Amino acid sequence: MILIDYNDKRPIYEQIAGRFQALIISGVMEADEKLPSVRTLAVELSINPNTIQRAYGELEKDGFIYTVKGKGNFVKRDEGLIHRQKERLLGELYEQARICLMQGVNRQELLDCVEKAAGEVLV
């Protein structure tokens, strides 16, 4: 479910938080679903538990999860948050598409790139 890319320039905790965000937004993880414990995920990924705790802290701060003391961390299903996150991502895509078009990437190349990305993710 969670993979670490050691070639990614982002810190590991950001990669973990980003992956959980994607799983929550896409509906793969459902409301009130329990996340793996900090210790379990740290062992599974062979990383420091503090890194997992930091990722979970970011997710909670951003409104994607909630904590129940003594029980663990759970998915918080907030449709408004999900909508805002999708709008933010689409806004970033829009700006990147504008840059590509202004720098000589033609419309069909841009569409082909989006189709290729969709094919890789949806497979």
PDB file of N, CA and C in Angstrom:
ATOM      1  N   MET A   1       0.821  -1.187   0.000  1.00  0.00           N
ATOM      2  CA  MET A   1       0.000   0.000   0.000  1.00  0.00           C
ATOM      3  C   MET A   1       0.872   1.260   0.000  1.00  0.00           C
ATOM      4  N   ILE A   2       1.933   1.273   0.783  1.00  0.00           N
ATOM      5  CA  ILE A   2       2.821   2.430   0.866  1.00  0.00           C
ATOM      6  C   ILE A   2       4.207   2.004   0.397  1.00  0.00           C
ATOM      7  N   LEU A   3       4.713   2.736  -0.595  1.00  0.00           N
ATOM      8  CA  LEU A   3       6.053   2.472  -1.102  1.00  0.00           C
ATOM      9  C   LEU A   3       6.901   3.723  -0.944  1.00  0.00           C
ATOM     10  N   ILE A   4       8.155   3.542  -0.599  1.00  0.00           N
ATOM     11  CA  ILE A   4       9.087   4.647  -0.457  1.00  0.00           C
ATOM     12  C   ILE A   4       9.964   4.698  -1.701  1.00  0.00           C
ATOM     13  N   ASP A   5      10.094   5.869  -2.282  1.00  0.00           N
ATOM     14  CA  ASP A   5      10.968   6.082  -3.437  1.00  0.00           C
ATOM     15  C   ASP A   5      12.181   6.861  -2.956  1.00  0.00           C
ATOM     16  N   TYR A   6      13.297   6.169  -2.835  1.00  0.00           N
ATOM     17  CA  TYR A   6      14.500   6.810  -2.309  1.00  0.00           C
ATOM     18  C   TYR A   6      15.139   7.764  -3.305  1.00  0.00           C
ATOM     19  N   ASN A   7      14.657   7.785  -4.545  1.00  0.00           N
ATOM     20  CA  ASN A   7      15.121   8.757  -5.530  1.00  0.00           C
ATOM     21  C   ASN A   7      14.285  10.035  -5.498  1.00  0.00           C
ATOM     22  N   ASP A   8      13.147   9.985  -4.809  1.00  0.00           N
ATOM     23  CA  ASP A   8      12.270  11.141  -4.672  1.00  0.00           C
ATOM     24  C   ASP A   8      12.955  12.164  -3.770  1.00  0.00           C
ATOM     25  N   LYS A   9      12.910  13.429  -4.156  1.00  0.00           N
ATOM     26  CA  LYS A   9      13.566  14.478  -3.380  1.00  0.00           C
ATOM     27  C   LYS A   9      12.776  14.862  -2.129  1.00  0.00           C
ATOM     28  N   ARG A  10      11.492  14.469  -2.086  1.00  0.00           N
ATOM     29  CA  ARG A  10      10.682  14.799  -0.916  1.00  0.00           C
ATOM     30  C   ARG A  10      11.102  13.930   0.275  1.00  0.00           C
ATOM     31  N   PRO A  11      10.983  14.474   1.478  1.00  0.00           N
ATOM     32  CA  PRO A  11      11.269  13.664   2.674  1.00  0.00           C
ATOM     33  C   PRO A  11      10.338  12.451   2.731  1.00  0.00           C
ATOM     34  N   ILE A  12      10.801  11.407   3.389  1.00  0.00           N
ATOM     35  CA  ILE A  12      10.028  10.168   3.476  1.00  0.00           C
ATOM     36  C   ILE A  12       8.662  10.400   4.112  1.00  0.00           C
ATOM     37  N   TYR A  13       8.609  11.220   5.166  1.00  0.00           N
ATOM     38  CA  TYR A  13       7.313  11.435   5.823  1.00  0.00           C
ATOM     39  C   TYR A  13       6.317  12.096   4.869  1.00  0.00           C
ATOM     40  N   GLU A  14       6.797  12.974   3.977  1.00  0.00           N
ATOM     41  CA  GLU A  14       5.907  13.599   2.995  1.00  0.00           C
ATOM     42  C   GLU A  14       5.419  12.578   1.968  1.00  0.00           C
ATOM     43  N   GLN A  15       6.291  11.654   1.579  1.00  0.00           N
ATOM     44  CA  GLN A  15       5.869  10.606   0.645  1.00  0.00           C
ATOM     45  C   GLN A  15       4.777   9.745   1.270  1.00  0.00           C
ATOM     46  N   ILE A  16       4.965   9.387   2.528  1.00  0.00           N
ATOM     47  CA  ILE A  16       3.984   8.547   3.222  1.00  0.00           C
ATOM     48  C   ILE A  16       2.660   9.293   3.358  1.00  0.00           C
ATOM     49  N   ALA A  17       2.720  10.532   3.810  1.00  0.00           N
ATOM     50  CA  ALA A  17       1.499  11.325   3.959  1.00  0.00           C
ATOM     51  C   ALA A  17       0.806  11.500   2.602  1.00  0.00           C
ATOM     52  N   GLY A  18       1.572  11.765   1.560  1.00  0.00           N
ATOM     53  CA  GLY A  18       1.008  11.943   0.224  1.00  0.00           C
ATOM     54  C   GLY A  18       0.322  10.692  -0.287  1.00  0.00           C
ATOM     55  N   ARG A  19       0.922   9.553  -0.007  1.00  0.00           N
ATOM     56  CA  ARG A  19       0.325   8.290  -0.466  1.00  0.00           C
ATOM     57  C   ARG A  19      -0.987   8.024   0.267  1.00  0.00           C
ATOM     58  N   PHE A  20      -1.007   8.274   1.582  1.00  0.00           N
ATOM     59  CA  PHE A  20      -2.256   8.091   2.322  1.00  0.00           C
ATOM     60  C   PHE A  20      -3.317   9.075   1.840  1.00  0.00           C
ATOM     61  N   GLN A  21      -2.920  10.319   1.560  1.00  0.00           N
ATOM     62  CA  GLN A  21      -3.872  11.296   1.025  1.00  0.00           C
ATOM     63  C   GLN A  21      -4.501  10.774  -0.262  1.00  0.00           C
ATOM     64  N   ALA A  22      -3.666  10.241  -1.145  1.00  0.00           N
ATOM     65  CA  ALA A  22      -4.173   9.712  -2.419  1.00  0.00           C
ATOM     66  C   ALA A  22      -5.137   8.556  -2.187  1.00  0.00           C
ATOM     67  N   LEU A  23      -4.811   7.682  -1.256  1.00  0.00           N
ATOM     68  CA  LEU A  23      -5.683   6.541  -0.956  1.00  0.00           C
ATOM     69  C   LEU A  23      -7.016   6.993  -0.373  1.00  0.00           C
ATOM     70  N   ILE A  24      -6.982   8.041   0.428  1.00  0.00           N
ATOM     71  CA  ILE A  24      -8.206   8.558   1.040  1.00  0.00           C
ATOM     72  C   ILE A  24      -9.052   9.281   0.000  1.00  0.00           C
ATOM     73  N   ILE A  25      -8.427  10.160  -0.778  1.00  0.00           N
ATOM     74  CA  ILE A  25      -9.163  10.934  -1.777  1.00  0.00           C
ATOM     75  C   ILE A  25      -9.784  10.029  -2.837  1.00  0.00           C
ATOM     76  N   SER A  26      -9.057   9.002  -3.239  1.00  0.00           N
ATOM     77  CA  SER A  26      -9.570   8.107  -4.282  1.00  0.00           C
ATOM     78  C   SER A  26     -10.637   7.149  -3.757  1.00  0.00           C
ATOM     79  N   GLY A  27     -10.819   7.102  -2.443  1.00  0.00           N
ATOM     80  CA  GLY A  27     -11.839   6.230  -1.871  1.00  0.00           C
ATOM     81  C   GLY A  27     -11.360   4.820  -1.587  1.00  0.00           C
ATOM     82  N   VAL A  28     -10.073   4.548  -1.829  1.00  0.00           N
ATOM     83  CA  VAL A  28      -9.533   3.223  -1.525  1.00  0.00           C
ATOM     84  C   VAL A  28      -9.611   2.975  -0.020  1.00  0.00           C
ATOM     85  N   MET A  29      -9.300   4.007   0.755  1.00  0.00           N
ATOM     86  CA  MET A  29      -9.459   3.917   2.210  1.00  0.00           C
ATOM     87  C   MET A  29     -10.767   4.614   2.563  1.00  0.00           C
ATOM     88  N   GLU A  30     -11.597   3.935   3.315  1.00  0.00           N
ATOM     89  CA  GLU A  30     -12.931   4.438   3.621  1.00  0.00           C
ATOM     90  C   GLU A  30     -12.966   5.149   4.961  1.00  0.00           C
ATOM     91  N   ALA A  31     -14.014   5.919   5.158  1.00  0.00           N
ATOM     92  CA  ALA A  31     -14.208   6.656   6.405  1.00  0.00           C
ATOM     93  C   ALA A  31     -14.132   5.707   7.596  1.00  0.00           C
ATOM     94  N   ASP A  32     -13.443   6.157   8.610  1.00  0.00           N
ATOM     95  CA  ASP A  32     -13.289   5.436   9.879  1.00  0.00           C
ATOM     96  C   ASP A  32     -12.450   4.164   9.765  1.00  0.00           C
ATOM     97  N   GLU A  33     -11.819   3.950   8.621  1.00  0.00           N
ATOM     98  CA  GLU A  33     -10.914   2.810   8.482  1.00  0.00           C
ATOM     99  C   GLU A  33      -9.652   3.074   9.297  1.00  0.00           C
ATOM    100  N   LYS A  34      -9.186   2.061   9.987  1.00  0.00           N
ATOM    101  CA  LYS A  34      -8.001   2.200  10.837  1.00  0.00           C
ATOM    102  C   LYS A  34      -6.735   2.147   9.989  1.00  0.00           C
ATOM    103  N   LEU A  35      -5.826   3.086  10.241  1.00  0.00           N
ATOM    104  CA  LEU A  35      -4.514   3.061   9.597  1.00  0.00           C
ATOM    105  C   LEU A  35      -3.626   2.078  10.353  1.00  0.00           C
ATOM    106  N   PRO A  36      -2.587   1.571   9.697  1.00  0.00           N
ATOM    107  CA  PRO A  36      -1.657   0.699  10.415  1.00  0.00           C
ATOM    108  C   PRO A  36      -1.040   1.451  11.594  1.00  0.00           C
ATOM    109  N   SER A  37      -0.733   0.729  12.655  1.00  0.00           N
ATOM    110  CA  SER A  37      -0.098   1.390  13.797  1.00  0.00           C
ATOM    111  C   SER A  37       1.260   1.939  13.361  1.00  0.00           C
ATOM    112  N   VAL A  38       1.727   2.923  14.091  1.00  0.00           N
ATOM    113  CA  VAL A  38       3.024   3.534  13.801  1.00  0.00           C
ATOM    114  C   VAL A  38       4.105   2.458  13.795  1.00  0.00           C
ATOM    115  N   ARG A  39       4.109   1.637  14.812  1.00  0.00           N
ATOM    116  CA  ARG A  39       5.143   0.602  14.936  1.00  0.00           C
ATOM    117  C   ARG A  39       5.057  -0.413  13.795  1.00  0.00           C
ATOM    118  N   THR A  40       3.845  -0.861  13.473  1.00  0.00           N
ATOM    119  CA  THR A  40       3.660  -1.854  12.409  1.00  0.00           C
ATOM    120  C   THR A  40       4.154  -1.322  11.068  1.00  0.00           C
ATOM    121  N   LEU A  41       3.753  -0.092  10.729  1.00  0.00           N
ATOM    122  CA  LEU A  41       4.160   0.485   9.450  1.00  0.00           C
ATOM    123  C   LEU A  41       5.658   0.758   9.415  1.00  0.00           C
ATOM    124  N   ALA A  42       6.219   1.178  10.542  1.00  0.00           N
ATOM    125  CA  ALA A  42       7.667   1.429  10.607  1.00  0.00           C
ATOM    126  C   ALA A  42       8.446   0.141  10.351  1.00  0.00           C
ATOM    127  N   VAL A  43       7.996  -0.956  10.933  1.00  0.00           N
ATOM    128  CA  VAL A  43       8.661  -2.244  10.722  1.00  0.00           C
ATOM    129  C   VAL A  43       8.482  -2.688   9.270  1.00  0.00           C
ATOM    130  N   GLU A  44       7.270  -2.543   8.748  1.00  0.00           N
ATOM    131  CA  GLU A  44       6.974  -2.956   7.379  1.00  0.00           C
ATOM    132  C   GLU A  44       7.837  -2.200   6.364  1.00  0.00           C
ATOM    133  N   LEU A  45       8.051  -0.906   6.609  1.00  0.00           N
ATOM    134  CA  LEU A  45       8.822  -0.073   5.685  1.00  0.00           C
ATOM    135  C   LEU A  45      10.299   0.026   6.051  1.00  0.00           C
ATOM    136  N   SER A  46      10.661  -0.560   7.184  1.00  0.00           N
ATOM    137  CA  SER A  46      12.045  -0.517   7.688  1.00  0.00           C
ATOM    138  C   SER A  46      12.541   0.920   7.845  1.00  0.00           C
ATOM    139  N   ILE A  47      11.706   1.734   8.478  1.00  0.00           N
ATOM    140  CA  ILE A  47      12.101   3.110   8.757  1.00  0.00           C
ATOM    141  C   ILE A  47      11.791   3.448  10.213  1.00  0.00           C
ATOM    142  N   ASN A  48      12.304   4.579  10.663  1.00  0.00           N
ATOM    143  CA  ASN A  48      12.144   5.013  12.037  1.00  0.00           C
ATOM    144  C   ASN A  48      10.673   5.316  12.340  1.00  0.00           C
ATOM    145  N   PRO A  49      10.159   4.843  13.481  1.00  0.00           N
ATOM    146  CA  PRO A  49       8.768   5.129  13.858  1.00  0.00           C
ATOM    147  C   PRO A  49       8.472   6.633  13.935  1.00  0.00           C
ATOM    148  N   ASN A  50       9.469   7.443  14.263  1.00  0.00           N
ATOM    149  CA  ASN A  50       9.248   8.891  14.321  1.00  0.00           C
ATOM    150  C   ASN A  50       8.857   9.455  12.957  1.00  0.00           C
ATOM    151  N   THR A  51       9.354   8.838  11.894  1.00  0.00           N
ATOM    152  CA  THR A  51       9.007   9.269  10.535  1.00  0.00           C
ATOM    153  C   THR A  51       7.527   9.007  10.263  1.00  0.00           C
ATOM    154  N   ILE A  52       7.049   7.844  10.681  1.00  0.00           N
ATOM    155  CA  ILE A  52       5.630   7.506  10.519  1.00  0.00           C
ATOM    156  C   ILE A  52       4.784   8.441  11.366  1.00  0.00           C
ATOM    157  N   GLN A  53       5.213   8.677  12.606  1.00  0.00           N
ATOM    158  CA  GLN A  53       4.478   9.569  13.498  1.00  0.00           C
ATOM    159  C   GLN A  53       4.380  10.967  12.900  1.00  0.00           C
ATOM    160  N   ARG A  54       5.442  11.430  12.267  1.00  0.00           N
ATOM    161  CA  ARG A  54       5.425  12.753  11.641  1.00  0.00           C
ATOM    162  C   ARG A  54       4.442  12.783  10.457  1.00  0.00           C
ATOM    163  N   ALA A  55       4.447  11.714   9.655  1.00  0.00           N
ATOM    164  CA  ALA A  55       3.507  11.625   8.533  1.00  0.00           C
ATOM    165  C   ALA A  55       2.075  11.638   9.048  1.00  0.00           C
ATOM    166  N   TYR A  56       1.792  10.859  10.084  1.00  0.00           N
ATOM    167  CA  TYR A  56       0.447  10.822  10.654  1.00  0.00           C
ATOM    168  C   TYR A  56       0.071  12.182  11.239  1.00  0.00           C
ATOM    169  N   GLY A  57       1.036  12.851  11.850  1.00  0.00           N
ATOM    170  CA  GLY A  57       0.788  14.188  12.384  1.00  0.00           C
ATOM    171  C   GLY A  57       0.390  15.165  11.285  1.00  0.00           C
ATOM    172  N   GLU A  58       1.077  15.081  10.145  1.00  0.00           N
ATOM    173  CA  GLU A  58       0.739  15.943   9.001  1.00  0.00           C
ATOM    174  C   GLU A  58      -0.658  15.624   8.478  1.00  0.00           C
ATOM    175  N   LEU A  59      -0.972  14.338   8.376  1.00  0.00           N
ATOM    176  CA  LEU A  59      -2.292  13.934   7.903  1.00  0.00           C
ATOM    177  C   LEU A  59      -3.393  14.435   8.836  1.00  0.00           C
ATOM    178  N   GLU A  60      -3.132  14.363  10.122  1.00  0.00           N
ATOM    179  CA  GLU A  60      -4.137  14.831  11.084  1.00  0.00           C
ATOM    180  C   GLU A  60      -4.266  16.352  11.012  1.00  0.00           C
ATOM    181  N   LYS A  61      -3.140  17.050  10.924  1.00  0.00           N
ATOM    182  CA  LYS A  61      -3.147  18.510  10.829  1.00  0.00           C
ATOM    183  C   LYS A  61      -3.918  18.968   9.588  1.00  0.00           C
ATOM    184  N   ASP A  62      -3.767  18.225   8.485  1.00  0.00           N
ATOM    185  CA  ASP A  62      -4.424  18.576   7.231  1.00  0.00           C
ATOM    186  C   ASP A  62      -5.865  18.085   7.151  1.00  0.00           C
ATOM    187  N   GLY A  63      -6.322  17.347   8.167  1.00  0.00           N
ATOM    188  CA  GLY A  63      -7.722  16.933   8.226  1.00  0.00           C
ATOM    189  C   GLY A  63      -8.047  15.617   7.550  1.00  0.00           C
ATOM    190  N   PHE A  64      -7.037  14.819   7.204  1.00  0.00           N
ATOM    191  CA  PHE A  64      -7.292  13.548   6.526  1.00  0.00           C
ATOM    192  C   PHE A  64      -7.553  12.398   7.496  1.00  0.00           C
ATOM    193  N   ILE A  65      -7.026  12.500   8.704  1.00  0.00           N
ATOM    194  CA  ILE A  65      -7.216  11.435   9.688  1.00  0.00           C
ATOM    195  C   ILE A  65      -7.533  12.052  11.048  1.00  0.00           C
ATOM    196  N   TYR A  66      -7.994  11.199  11.959  1.00  0.00           N
ATOM    197  CA  TYR A  66      -8.185  11.611  13.351  1.00  0.00           C
ATOM    198  C   TYR A  66      -7.630  10.507  14.235  1.00  0.00           C
ATOM    199  N   THR A  67      -7.284  10.876  15.460  1.00  0.00           N
ATOM    200  CA  THR A  67      -6.690   9.940  16.408  1.00  0.00           C
ATOM    201  C   THR A  67      -7.666   9.680  17.544  1.00  0.00           C
ATOM    202  N   VAL A  68      -7.767   8.416  17.916  1.00  0.00           N
ATOM    203  CA  VAL A  68      -8.519   8.026  19.102  1.00  0.00           C
ATOM    204  C   VAL A  68      -7.486   7.494  20.083  1.00  0.00           C
ATOM    205  N   LYS A  69      -7.344   8.190  21.184  1.00  0.00           N
ATOM    206  CA  LYS A  69      -6.321   7.827  22.169  1.00  0.00           C
ATOM    207  C   LYS A  69      -6.485   6.369  22.598  1.00  0.00           C
ATOM    208  N   GLY A  70      -5.390   5.635  22.486  1.00  0.00           N
ATOM    209  CA  GLY A  70      -5.382   4.231  22.870  1.00  0.00           C
ATOM    210  C   GLY A  70      -5.917   3.280  21.804  1.00  0.00           C
ATOM    211  N   LYS A  71      -6.486   3.825  20.731  1.00  0.00           N
ATOM    212  CA  LYS A  71      -7.066   2.987  19.670  1.00  0.00           C
ATOM    213  C   LYS A  71      -6.294   3.090  18.363  1.00  0.00           C
ATOM    214  N   GLY A  72      -5.785   4.276  18.053  1.00  0.00           N
ATOM    215  CA  GLY A  72      -5.036   4.440  16.813  1.00  0.00           C
ATOM    216  C   GLY A  72      -5.521   5.602  15.971  1.00  0.00           C
ATOM    217  N   ASN A  73      -5.142   5.563  14.704  1.00  0.00           N
ATOM    218  CA  ASN A  73      -5.471   6.616  13.742  1.00  0.00           C
ATOM    219  C   ASN A  73      -6.472   6.080  12.730  1.00  0.00           C
ATOM    220  N   PHE A  74      -7.441   6.933  12.367  1.00  0.00           N
ATOM    221  CA  PHE A  74      -8.527   6.520  11.499  1.00  0.00           C
ATOM    222  C   PHE A  74      -8.754   7.550  10.392  1.00  0.00           C
ATOM    223  N   VAL A  75      -9.274   7.076   9.263  1.00  0.00           N
ATOM    224  CA  VAL A  75      -9.564   7.950   8.125  1.00  0.00           C
ATOM    225  C   VAL A  75     -10.746   8.844   8.471  1.00  0.00           C
ATOM    226  N   LYS A  76     -10.561  10.129   8.213  1.00  0.00           N
ATOM    227  CA  LYS A  76     -11.635  11.104   8.380  1.00  0.00           C
ATOM    228  C   LYS A  76     -12.149  11.442   6.992  1.00  0.00           C
ATOM    229  N   ARG A  77     -13.375  11.110   6.731  1.00  0.00           N
ATOM    230  CA  ARG A  77     -13.957  11.348   5.404  1.00  0.00           C
ATOM    231  C   ARG A  77     -14.628  12.709   5.413  1.00  0.00           C
ATOM    232  N   ASP A  78     -13.982  13.666   4.810  1.00  0.00           N
ATOM    233  CA  ASP A  78     -14.486  15.031   4.746  1.00  0.00           C
ATOM    234  C   ASP A  78     -14.614  15.401   3.279  1.00  0.00           C
ATOM    235  N   GLU A  79     -15.835  15.364   2.765  1.00  0.00           N
ATOM    236  CA  GLU A  79     -16.050  15.628   1.334  1.00  0.00           C
ATOM    237  C   GLU A  79     -15.564  17.012   0.925  1.00  0.00           C
ATOM    238  N   GLY A  80     -15.706  17.996   1.795  1.00  0.00           N
ATOM    239  CA  GLY A  80     -15.222  19.338   1.495  1.00  0.00           C
ATOM    240  C   GLY A  80     -13.718  19.358   1.331  1.00  0.00           C
ATOM    241  N   LEU A  81     -13.018  18.664   2.214  1.00  0.00           N
ATOM    242  CA  LEU A  81     -11.559  18.572   2.136  1.00  0.00           C
ATOM    243  C   LEU A  81     -11.141  17.873   0.854  1.00  0.00           C
ATOM    244  N   ILE A  82     -11.812  16.798   0.527  1.00  0.00           N
ATOM    245  CA  ILE A  82     -11.493  16.051  -0.690  1.00  0.00           C
ATOM    246  C   ILE A  82     -11.722  16.924  -1.919  1.00  0.00           C
ATOM    247  N   HIS A  83     -12.821  17.667  -1.923  1.00  0.00           N
ATOM    248  CA  HIS A  83     -13.115  18.565  -3.047  1.00  0.00           C
ATOM    249  C   HIS A  83     -12.030  19.639  -3.173  1.00  0.00           C
ATOM    250  N   ARG A  84     -11.649  20.246  -2.059  1.00  0.00           N
ATOM    251  CA  ARG A  84     -10.605  21.287  -2.085  1.00  0.00           C
ATOM    252  C   ARG A  84      -9.272  20.725  -2.559  1.00  0.00           C
ATOM    253  N   GLN A  85      -8.942  19.525  -2.134  1.00  0.00           N
ATOM    254  CA  GLN A  85      -7.684  18.898  -2.547  1.00  0.00           C
ATOM    255  C   GLN A  85      -7.691  18.635  -4.047  1.00  0.00           C
ATOM    256  N   LYS A  86      -8.805  18.125  -4.565  1.00  0.00           N
ATOM    257  CA  LYS A  86      -8.904  17.876  -6.006  1.00  0.00           C
ATOM    258  C   LYS A  86      -8.807  19.188  -6.780  1.00  0.00           C
ATOM    259  N   GLU A  87      -9.473  20.229  -6.306  1.00  0.00           N
ATOM    260  CA  GLU A  87      -9.404  21.538  -6.968  1.00  0.00           C
ATOM    261  C   GLU A  87      -7.969  22.068  -6.975  1.00  0.00           C
ATOM    262  N   ARG A  88      -7.259  21.895  -5.872  1.00  0.00           N
ATOM    263  CA  ARG A  88      -5.866  22.343  -5.796  1.00  0.00           C
ATOM    264  C   ARG A  88      -5.013  21.594  -6.816  1.00  0.00           C
ATOM    265  N   LEU A  89      -5.193  20.282  -6.886  1.00  0.00           N
ATOM    266  CA  LEU A  89      -4.423  19.471  -7.824  1.00  0.00           C
ATOM    267  C   LEU A  89      -4.738  19.833  -9.270  1.00  0.00           C
ATOM    268  N   LEU A  90      -6.013  20.033  -9.570  1.00  0.00           N
ATOM    269  CA  LEU A  90      -6.395  20.422 -10.927  1.00  0.00           C
ATOM    270  C   LEU A  90      -5.861  21.809 -11.276  1.00  0.00           C
ATOM    271  N   GLY A  91      -5.811  22.692 -10.304  1.00  0.00           N
ATOM    272  CA  GLY A  91      -5.234  24.018 -10.525  1.00  0.00           C
ATOM    273  C   GLY A  91      -3.757  23.927 -10.864  1.00  0.00           C
ATOM    274  N   GLU A  92      -3.042  23.049 -10.154  1.00  0.00           N
ATOM    275  CA  GLU A  92      -1.613  22.842 -10.437  1.00  0.00           C
ATOM    276  C   GLU A  92      -1.433  22.249 -11.828  1.00  0.00           C
ATOM    277  N   LEU A  93      -2.287  21.302 -12.203  1.00  0.00           N
ATOM    278  CA  LEU A  93      -2.215  20.700 -13.531  1.00  0.00           C
ATOM    279  C   LEU A  93      -2.484  21.750 -14.607  1.00  0.00           C
ATOM    280  N   TYR A  94      -3.471  22.593 -14.371  1.00  0.00           N
ATOM    281  CA  TYR A  94      -3.820  23.658 -15.314  1.00  0.00           C
ATOM    282  C   TYR A  94      -2.620  24.582 -15.540  1.00  0.00           C
ATOM    283  N   GLU A  95      -1.989  25.007 -14.449  1.00  0.00           N
ATOM    284  CA  GLU A  95      -0.831  25.907 -14.571  1.00  0.00           C
ATOM    285  C   GLU A  95       0.317  25.221 -15.310  1.00  0.00           C
ATOM    286  N   GLN A  96       0.555  23.956 -15.013  1.00  0.00           N
ATOM    287  CA  GLN A  96       1.631  23.228 -15.690  1.00  0.00           C
ATOM    288  C   GLN A  96       1.319  23.054 -17.171  1.00  0.00           C
ATOM    289  N   ALA A  97       0.054  22.794 -17.499  1.00  0.00           N
ATOM    290  CA  ALA A  97      -0.352  22.661 -18.898  1.00  0.00           C
ATOM    291  C   ALA A  97      -0.126  23.972 -19.644  1.00  0.00           C
ATOM    292  N   ARG A  98      -0.474  25.099 -19.016  1.00  0.00           N
ATOM    293  CA  ARG A  98      -0.244  26.413 -19.630  1.00  0.00           C
ATOM    294  C   ARG A  98       1.240  26.627 -19.918  1.00  0.00           C
ATOM    295  N   ILE A  99       2.083  26.271 -18.967  1.00  0.00           N
ATOM    296  CA  ILE A  99       3.533  26.429 -19.146  1.00  0.00           C
ATOM    297  C   ILE A  99       4.011  25.573 -20.309  1.00  0.00           C
ATOM    298  N   CYS A 100       3.556  24.321 -20.342  1.00  0.00           N
ATOM    299  CA  CYS A 100       3.950  23.419 -21.431  1.00  0.00           C
ATOM    300  C   CYS A 100       3.540  23.992 -22.791  1.00  0.00           C
ATOM    301  N   LEU A 101       2.314  24.446 -22.891  1.00  0.00           N
ATOM    302  CA  LEU A 101       1.816  24.983 -24.159  1.00  0.00           C
ATOM    303  C   LEU A 101       2.589  26.236 -24.570  1.00  0.00           C
ATOM    304  N   MET A 102       2.902  27.093 -23.612  1.00  0.00           N
ATOM    305  CA  MET A 102       3.653  28.311 -23.928  1.00  0.00           C
ATOM    306  C   MET A 102       5.089  28.011 -24.357  1.00  0.00           C
ATOM    307  N   GLN A 103       5.598  26.839 -23.943  1.00  0.00           N
ATOM    308  CA  GLN A 103       6.987  26.508 -24.267  1.00  0.00           C
ATOM    309  C   GLN A 103       7.096  25.519 -25.419  1.00  0.00           C
ATOM    310  N   GLY A 104       6.020  25.390 -26.191  1.00  0.00           N
ATOM    311  CA  GLY A 104       6.111  24.639 -27.433  1.00  0.00           C
ATOM    312  C   GLY A 104       5.582  23.227 -27.439  1.00  0.00           C
ATOM    313  N   VAL A 105       5.105  22.741 -26.305  1.00  0.00           N
ATOM    314  CA  VAL A 105       4.475  21.419 -26.306  1.00  0.00           C
ATOM    315  C   VAL A 105       3.109  21.602 -26.965  1.00  0.00           C
ATOM    316  N   ASN A 106       2.824  20.778 -27.969  1.00  0.00           N
ATOM    317  CA  ASN A 106       1.532  20.978 -28.636  1.00  0.00           C
ATOM    318  C   ASN A 106       0.418  20.265 -27.870  1.00  0.00           C
ATOM    319  N   ARG A 107      -0.807  20.634 -28.240  1.00  0.00           N
ATOM    320  CA  ARG A 107      -1.989  20.133 -27.548  1.00  0.00           C
ATOM    321  C   ARG A 107      -2.054  18.608 -27.524  1.00  0.00           C
ATOM    322  N   GLN A 108      -1.772  17.972 -28.659  1.00  0.00           N
ATOM    323  CA  GLN A 108      -1.863  16.516 -28.726  1.00  0.00           C
ATOM    324  C   GLN A 108      -0.806  15.853 -27.839  1.00  0.00           C
ATOM    325  N   GLU A 109       0.399  16.412 -27.796  1.00  0.00           N
ATOM    326  CA  GLU A 109       1.445  15.867 -26.915  1.00  0.00           C
ATOM    327  C   GLU A 109       1.012  15.953 -25.459  1.00  0.00           C
ATOM    328  N   LEU A 110       0.395  17.059 -25.114  1.00  0.00           N
ATOM    329  CA  LEU A 110      -0.084  17.248 -23.751  1.00  0.00           C
ATOM    330  C   LEU A 110      -1.180  16.239 -23.414  1.00  0.00           C
ATOM    331  N   LEU A 111      -2.129  16.084 -24.320  1.00  0.00           N
ATOM    332  CA  LEU A 111      -3.211  15.115 -24.104  1.00  0.00           C
ATOM    333  C   LEU A 111      -2.679  13.687 -24.034  1.00  0.00           C
ATOM    334  N   ASP A 112      -1.720  13.368 -24.899  1.00  0.00           N
ATOM    335  CA  ASP A 112      -1.112  12.034 -24.870  1.00  0.00           C
ATOM    336  C   ASP A 112      -0.433  11.770 -23.531  1.00  0.00           C
ATOM    337  N   CYS A 113       0.228  12.789 -23.001  1.00  0.00           N
ATOM    338  CA  CYS A 113       0.909  12.653 -21.713  1.00  0.00           C
ATOM    339  C   CYS A 113      -0.098  12.373 -20.596  1.00  0.00           C
ATOM    340  N   VAL A 114      -1.206  13.102 -20.594  1.00  0.00           N
ATOM    341  CA  VAL A 114      -2.243  12.889 -19.578  1.00  0.00           C
ATOM    342  C   VAL A 114      -2.841  11.488 -19.723  1.00  0.00           C
ATOM    343  N   GLU A 115      -3.093  11.057 -20.953  1.00  0.00           N
ATOM    344  CA  GLU A 115      -3.624   9.712 -21.181  1.00  0.00           C
ATOM    345  C   GLU A 115      -2.646   8.635 -20.711  1.00  0.00           C
ATOM    346  N   LYS A 116      -1.362   8.856 -20.973  1.00  0.00           N
ATOM    347  CA  LYS A 116      -0.346   7.895 -20.542  1.00  0.00           C
ATOM    348  C   LYS A 116      -0.317   7.806 -19.019  1.00  0.00           C
ATOM    349  N   ALA A 117      -0.361   8.947 -18.351  1.00  0.00           N
ATOM    350  CA  ALA A 117      -0.364   8.959 -16.878  1.00  0.00           C
ATOM    351  C   ALA A 117      -1.604   8.258 -16.342  1.00  0.00           C
ATOM    352  N   ALA A 118      -2.746   8.533 -16.943  1.00  0.00           N
ATOM    353  CA  ALA A 118      -3.989   7.891 -16.508  1.00  0.00           C
ATOM    354  C   ALA A 118      -3.920   6.378 -16.712  1.00  0.00           C
ATOM    355  N   GLY A 119      -3.351   5.958 -17.806  1.00  0.00           N
ATOM    356  CA  GLY A 119      -3.220   4.526 -18.068  1.00  0.00           C
ATOM    357  C   GLY A 119      -2.309   3.832 -17.066  1.00  0.00           C
ATOM    358  N   GLU A 120      -1.256   4.519 -16.642  1.00  0.00           N
ATOM    359  CA  GLU A 120      -0.329   3.928 -15.670  1.00  0.00           C
ATOM    360  C   GLU A 120      -0.943   3.859 -14.288  1.00  0.00           C
ATOM    361  N   VAL A 121      -1.705   4.859 -13.921  1.00  0.00           N
ATOM    362  CA  VAL A 121      -2.290   4.898 -12.586  1.00  0.00           C
ATOM    363  C   VAL A 121      -3.506   3.984 -12.490  1.00  0.00           C
ATOM    364  N   LEU A 122      -4.306   3.935 -13.513  1.00  0.00           N
ATOM    365  CA  LEU A 122      -5.534   3.154 -13.470  1.00  0.00           C
ATOM    366  C   LEU A 122      -5.334   1.678 -13.746  1.00  0.00           C
ATOM    367  N   VAL A 123      -4.140   1.268 -14.121  1.00  0.00           N
ATOM    368  CA  VAL A 123      -3.884  -0.134 -14.440  1.00  0.00           C
ATOM    369  C   VAL A 123      -3.841  -0.960 -13.186  1.00  0.00           C
TER     370      VAL A 123
END
